[in-house]
Amino acid sequence: MKTTPKMMFFIYFILGLLFMFVATRSSDGSIWNFTTIILAVIATLNFGVSLRMLIIHFKLKKKNK
């Protein structure tokens, strides 16, 4: 099975949602603890990579036409 940018978009987007969920569940009274911030940063990076994969998917789709 070939790994496409569209499939990688879904994987990174789901991972971003998962890390965001864990970050919100790990906030014990205050959002400004180390664990919550690290998990939110990782989620942000995953969302950024997923957006880049979606852009690459559309560029490849446009190029192949």
Protein backbone atom coordinates (compact mmCIF):
# COMPACT_ATOMS: atom_id res chain seq x y z
CA MET A 1 0.00 0.00 0.00
CA LYS A 2 1.41 3.33 -1.07
CA THR A 3 1.55 6.15 1.46
CA THR A 4 -0.13 9.20 -0.05
CA PRO A 5 -0.17 12.76 1.28
CA LYS A 6 -3.94 12.45 1.74
CA MET A 7 -3.53 9.44 4.02
CA MET A 8 -0.74 11.19 5.93
CA PHE A 9 -3.06 14.21 6.34
CA PHE A 10 -5.64 12.04 8.08
CA ILE A 11 -3.04 10.36 10.29
CA TYR A 12 -1.48 13.63 11.45
CA PHE A 13 -4.88 15.28 11.90
CA ILE A 14 -6.12 12.41 14.09
CA LEU A 15 -2.88 12.53 16.09
CA GLY A 16 -3.35 16.28 16.56
CA LEU A 17 -6.87 15.73 17.83
CA LEU A 18 -5.63 13.00 20.16
CA PHE A 19 -2.87 15.17 21.62
CA MET A 20 -5.30 18.07 22.04
CA PHE A 21 -7.74 15.78 23.85
CA VAL A 22 -4.99 14.52 26.17
CA ALA A 23 -3.83 18.10 26.79
CA THR A 24 -7.29 19.22 27.84
CA ARG A 25 -7.71 16.18 30.07
CA SER A 26 -4.32 16.71 31.75
CA SER A 27 -5.03 20.27 32.89
CA ASP A 28 -5.45 19.96 36.67
CA GLY A 29 -7.02 23.25 37.67
CA SER A 30 -4.61 25.36 35.63
CA ILE A 31 -3.83 25.23 31.95
CA TRP A 32 -0.33 26.64 32.47
CA ASN A 33 1.41 23.48 33.63
CA PHE A 34 4.32 21.96 31.73
CA THR A 35 2.54 18.81 30.53
CA THR A 36 -0.41 20.68 29.05
CA ILE A 37 1.80 23.14 27.20
CA ILE A 38 4.03 20.41 25.73
CA LEU A 39 1.01 18.39 24.57
CA ALA A 40 -0.56 21.49 23.02
CA VAL A 41 2.69 22.27 21.17
CA ILE A 42 2.85 18.73 19.81
CA ALA A 43 -0.78 18.98 18.71
CA THR A 44 -0.05 22.27 16.96
CA LEU A 45 2.89 20.73 15.10
CA ASN A 46 0.71 17.79 14.04
CA PHE A 47 -1.98 20.15 12.73
CA GLY A 48 0.68 22.10 10.82
CA VAL A 49 2.08 18.96 9.21
CA SER A 50 -1.41 17.76 8.33
CA LEU A 51 -2.18 21.07 6.65
CA ARG A 52 1.06 20.84 4.68
CA MET A 53 0.19 17.30 3.57
CA LEU A 54 -3.23 18.49 2.38
CA ILE A 55 -1.61 21.28 0.36
CA ILE A 56 0.85 18.80 -1.17
CA HIS A 57 -2.06 16.50 -2.04
CA PHE A 58 -3.88 19.27 -3.92
CA LYS A 59 -0.69 20.36 -5.71
CA LEU A 60 -0.03 16.80 -6.88
CA LYS A 61 -3.63 16.40 -7.94
CA LYS A 62 -3.47 19.63 -9.94
CA LYS A 63 -0.13 18.62 -11.49
CA ASN A 64 -1.45 15.22 -12.61
CA LYS A 65 -4.38 16.74 -14.51
